[in-house]
């Protein structure tokens, strides 16, 4: 009887493990995650903190070089051009104040491996440009835009748009296949800090001067 129960438990564990493996394998090029570091103010009762959520909006295509002037068109077409090529990657960032009124400063730090050229910009909740085009410098803290002021339980939504800029030469060796990751951080004037991560790769497109068409 004990052996039957033991075998049944082992079977359930195997099924659960297999399900996680299959489910995990369905994710494509990019993943996002979050972790929070909640701080406490130096008083006896008040506790402050911040919540950060990052979710992928358009991230299932490899990045083909795109002209900077076409970025907004690419975003409006869900980061896919008329030929079905990937124009950009977009992530939604929600920063929520869990404590008293506070100001937040956001930064992003990219790590590039095998990809030399990447740009990004930030859109607000209405898809207006919040922070214009920035050339990504690997392993450097770069801004996510102006300081954000949030009341208690107020959330600010931003959208991070990433793309490979198009140059007038063959970029295959520089940008067609490689890996990049980024750490998104927000620090508040009340002492809390949250970070989230984004990571992914280009699998190799080997197309020179492929320009976006919309």
Protein backbone atom coordinates (compact mmCIF):
# COMPACT_ATOMS: atom_id res chain seq x y z
CA UNK A 1 0.00 0.00 0.00
CA UNK A 2 2.83 2.35 0.94
CA UNK A 3 4.60 1.56 -2.32
CA UNK A 4 1.46 2.43 -4.33
CA UNK A 5 1.15 5.77 -2.56
CA UNK A 6 4.84 6.45 -3.08
CA UNK A 7 4.63 5.61 -6.78
CA UNK A 8 1.57 7.83 -7.16
CA UNK A 9 3.36 10.77 -5.52
CA UNK A 10 6.43 10.24 -7.72
CA UNK A 11 4.20 10.14 -10.81
CA UNK A 12 2.54 13.44 -9.86
CA UNK A 13 5.95 15.05 -9.27
CA UNK A 14 7.18 13.82 -12.67
CA UNK A 15 4.05 15.18 -14.42
CA UNK A 16 4.42 18.57 -12.71
CA UNK A 17 8.12 18.75 -13.61
CA UNK A 18 7.45 17.78 -17.23
CA UNK A 19 4.70 20.41 -17.48
CA UNK A 20 7.05 23.13 -16.24
CA UNK A 21 9.74 22.02 -18.72
CA UNK A 22 7.33 22.07 -21.68
CA UNK A 23 5.76 25.36 -20.63
CA UNK A 24 9.14 27.00 -20.18
CA UNK A 25 10.29 25.79 -23.58
CA UNK A 26 7.45 27.65 -25.30
CA UNK A 27 8.93 31.06 -24.47
CA UNK A 28 10.69 32.62 -27.43
CA UNK A 29 13.45 35.24 -27.49
CA UNK A 30 12.78 37.47 -24.50
CA UNK A 31 11.80 36.98 -20.90
CA UNK A 32 11.12 39.49 -18.17
CA UNK A 33 11.12 39.21 -14.42
CA UNK A 34 10.88 41.38 -11.34
CA UNK A 35 12.13 41.49 -7.81
CA UNK A 36 11.47 44.09 -5.12
CA UNK A 37 13.52 45.40 -2.26
CA UNK A 38 11.11 46.99 0.22
CA UNK A 39 12.64 49.49 2.65
CA UNK A 40 11.30 50.94 5.90
CA UNK A 41 11.46 54.55 7.04
CA UNK A 42 13.10 55.44 10.33
CA UNK A 43 9.85 55.75 12.27
CA UNK A 44 7.96 53.35 14.49
CA UNK A 45 4.89 52.76 12.32
CA UNK A 46 5.27 53.91 8.70
CA UNK A 47 6.44 51.42 6.08
CA UNK A 48 7.30 52.43 2.54
CA UNK A 49 7.82 50.42 -0.60
CA UNK A 50 7.49 50.22 -4.34
CA UNK A 51 6.23 47.62 -6.76
CA UNK A 52 7.63 47.13 -10.27
CA UNK A 53 6.07 44.99 -12.98
CA UNK A 54 7.57 44.44 -16.43
CA UNK A 55 5.63 42.61 -19.13
CA UNK A 56 6.41 41.93 -22.79
CA UNK A 57 4.09 43.59 -25.29
CA UNK A 58 5.80 42.81 -28.61
CA UNK A 59 8.82 40.56 -28.26
CA UNK A 60 8.43 37.45 -30.42
CA UNK A 61 10.58 38.53 -33.37
CA UNK A 62 14.32 38.85 -33.94
CA UNK A 63 15.43 42.45 -34.49
CA UNK A 64 16.19 43.56 -38.05
CA UNK A 65 17.88 46.99 -38.51
CA UNK A 66 15.35 49.80 -38.71
CA UNK A 67 15.68 53.48 -39.57
CA UNK A 68 15.28 55.62 -36.46
CA UNK A 69 12.62 57.77 -38.15
CA UNK A 70 10.41 54.69 -38.52
CA UNK A 71 10.37 53.71 -34.85
CA UNK A 72 6.91 55.04 -34.06
CA UNK A 73 5.48 53.43 -37.19
CA UNK A 74 7.10 50.18 -36.15
CA UNK A 75 5.59 50.44 -32.68
CA UNK A 76 2.13 51.27 -34.05
CA UNK A 77 2.30 48.10 -36.17
CA UNK A 78 3.14 46.00 -33.11
CA UNK A 79 6.84 45.91 -34.00
CA UNK A 80 6.36 43.95 -37.25
CA UNK A 81 6.84 45.36 -40.77
CA UNK A 82 4.75 44.48 -43.85
CA UNK A 83 7.16 41.65 -44.68
CA UNK A 84 6.72 40.08 -41.27
CA UNK A 85 10.19 40.99 -40.01
CA UNK A 86 10.77 42.18 -36.45
CA UNK A 87 11.04 45.96 -36.22
CA UNK A 88 11.42 46.43 -32.47
CA UNK A 89 10.82 44.95 -29.03
CA UNK A 90 8.43 46.65 -26.59
CA UNK A 91 7.93 46.16 -22.86
CA UNK A 92 5.40 47.67 -20.50
CA UNK A 93 6.78 48.98 -17.20
CA UNK A 94 4.47 49.72 -14.26
CA UNK A 95 5.92 51.47 -11.23
CA UNK A 96 3.57 51.68 -8.20
CA UNK A 97 4.08 53.66 -5.00
CA UNK A 98 2.99 51.59 -1.99
CA UNK A 99 3.79 54.26 0.58
CA UNK A 100 3.47 57.98 1.04
CA UNK A 101 3.98 60.49 -1.76
CA UNK A 102 7.39 60.03 -3.36
CA UNK A 103 9.57 60.91 -6.35
CA UNK A 104 11.14 58.15 -8.46
CA UNK A 105 14.25 58.16 -10.60
CA UNK A 106 14.45 55.38 -13.19
CA UNK A 107 17.56 53.94 -14.84
CA UNK A 108 18.34 51.05 -17.16
CA UNK A 109 21.64 49.23 -17.51
CA UNK A 110 22.18 47.05 -20.61
CA UNK A 111 24.70 44.30 -21.14
CA UNK A 112 25.43 43.62 -24.82
CA UNK A 113 27.15 40.50 -26.12
CA UNK A 114 27.46 40.00 -29.88
CA UNK A 115 25.20 42.98 -30.59
CA UNK A 116 27.01 46.29 -30.98
CA UNK A 117 24.16 48.64 -31.83
CA UNK A 118 20.89 49.05 -29.96
CA UNK A 119 18.73 52.11 -29.35
CA UNK A 120 15.81 52.69 -27.01
CA UNK A 121 13.16 55.24 -26.23
CA UNK A 122 10.42 55.53 -23.62
CA UNK A 123 6.71 56.13 -24.28
CA UNK A 124 4.14 57.21 -21.70
CA UNK A 125 0.75 55.62 -21.01
CA UNK A 126 -0.75 57.51 -23.99
CA UNK A 127 2.00 56.34 -26.37
CA UNK A 128 3.57 59.78 -26.54
CA UNK A 129 7.37 60.04 -26.47
CA UNK A 130 8.35 60.41 -22.82
CA UNK A 131 12.11 60.10 -23.32
CA UNK A 132 13.49 60.29 -26.84
CA UNK A 133 15.98 58.07 -28.66
CA UNK A 134 19.07 57.01 -26.76
CA UNK A 135 22.00 54.98 -28.06
CA UNK A 136 22.61 52.10 -25.67
CA UNK A 137 26.03 52.01 -24.00
CA UNK A 138 26.76 48.60 -22.52
CA UNK A 139 27.20 48.33 -18.73
CA UNK A 140 26.21 51.95 -18.14
CA UNK A 141 23.33 53.38 -16.12
CA UNK A 142 21.10 55.29 -18.55
CA UNK A 143 17.99 57.30 -17.85
CA UNK A 144 14.37 56.16 -18.18
CA UNK A 145 13.22 59.76 -18.34
CA UNK A 146 12.24 62.62 -16.02
CA UNK A 147 11.66 62.14 -12.29
CA UNK A 148 8.23 60.60 -11.60
CA UNK A 149 6.06 61.87 -8.74
CA UNK A 150 3.55 59.36 -7.34
CA UNK A 151 0.93 59.56 -4.62
CA UNK A 152 0.14 56.58 -2.39
CA UNK A 153 -1.05 53.59 -4.48
CA UNK A 154 -0.57 55.54 -7.72
CA UNK A 155 0.92 53.76 -10.75
CA UNK A 156 2.90 55.17 -13.65
CA UNK A 157 3.00 53.21 -16.91
CA UNK A 158 5.91 53.50 -19.32
CA UNK A 159 6.77 51.56 -22.46
CA UNK A 160 10.33 50.63 -23.35
CA UNK A 161 10.94 50.33 -27.11
CA UNK A 162 14.22 48.70 -28.28
CA UNK A 163 15.51 48.43 -31.86
CA UNK A 164 18.66 47.90 -33.95
CA UNK A 165 19.45 51.13 -35.87
CA UNK A 166 20.03 50.80 -39.60
CA UNK A 167 23.41 51.93 -40.98
CA UNK A 168 24.72 52.22 -44.53
CA UNK A 169 26.96 49.16 -44.34
CA UNK A 170 26.78 45.42 -43.74
CA UNK A 171 25.81 44.85 -40.08
CA UNK A 172 25.70 41.07 -40.16
CA UNK A 173 28.87 40.56 -38.13
CA UNK A 174 27.96 43.25 -35.60
CA UNK A 175 24.25 42.87 -34.91
CA UNK A 176 22.72 39.77 -36.50
CA UNK A 177 23.36 37.27 -33.72
CA UNK A 178 24.00 37.95 -30.08
CA UNK A 179 22.62 38.36 -26.60
CA UNK A 180 21.54 41.31 -24.51
CA UNK A 181 20.04 41.85 -21.09
CA UNK A 182 19.00 44.88 -19.06
CA UNK A 183 18.36 45.76 -15.44
CA UNK A 184 15.55 48.29 -14.86
CA UNK A 185 15.80 50.17 -11.56
CA UNK A 186 13.69 52.77 -9.76
CA UNK A 187 14.82 54.57 -6.62
CA UNK A 188 12.42 56.69 -4.56
CA UNK A 189 13.01 59.78 -2.45
CA UNK A 190 11.49 57.80 0.45
CA UNK A 191 14.23 55.19 0.40
CA UNK A 192 12.77 52.22 -1.47
CA UNK A 193 14.30 50.61 -4.55
CA UNK A 194 13.01 48.05 -7.04
CA UNK A 195 14.68 46.29 -9.96
CA UNK A 196 13.47 44.17 -12.85
CA UNK A 197 15.26 42.35 -15.65
CA UNK A 198 14.80 41.85 -19.38
CA UNK A 199 16.92 39.47 -21.45
CA UNK A 200 16.98 37.96 -24.92
CA UNK A 201 18.88 37.26 -28.11
CA UNK A 202 18.99 37.67 -31.85
CA UNK A 203 19.26 34.30 -33.58
CA UNK A 204 20.86 35.51 -36.80
CA UNK A 205 19.14 37.19 -39.73
CA UNK A 206 22.04 37.67 -42.16
CA UNK A 207 20.27 40.41 -44.09
CA UNK A 208 22.15 43.55 -45.06
CA UNK A 209 20.38 46.92 -45.12
CA UNK A 210 16.93 45.44 -44.62
CA UNK A 211 14.79 48.54 -44.25
CA UNK A 212 11.35 48.62 -42.68
CA UNK A 213 8.36 49.14 -44.93
CA UNK A 214 4.93 50.06 -43.56
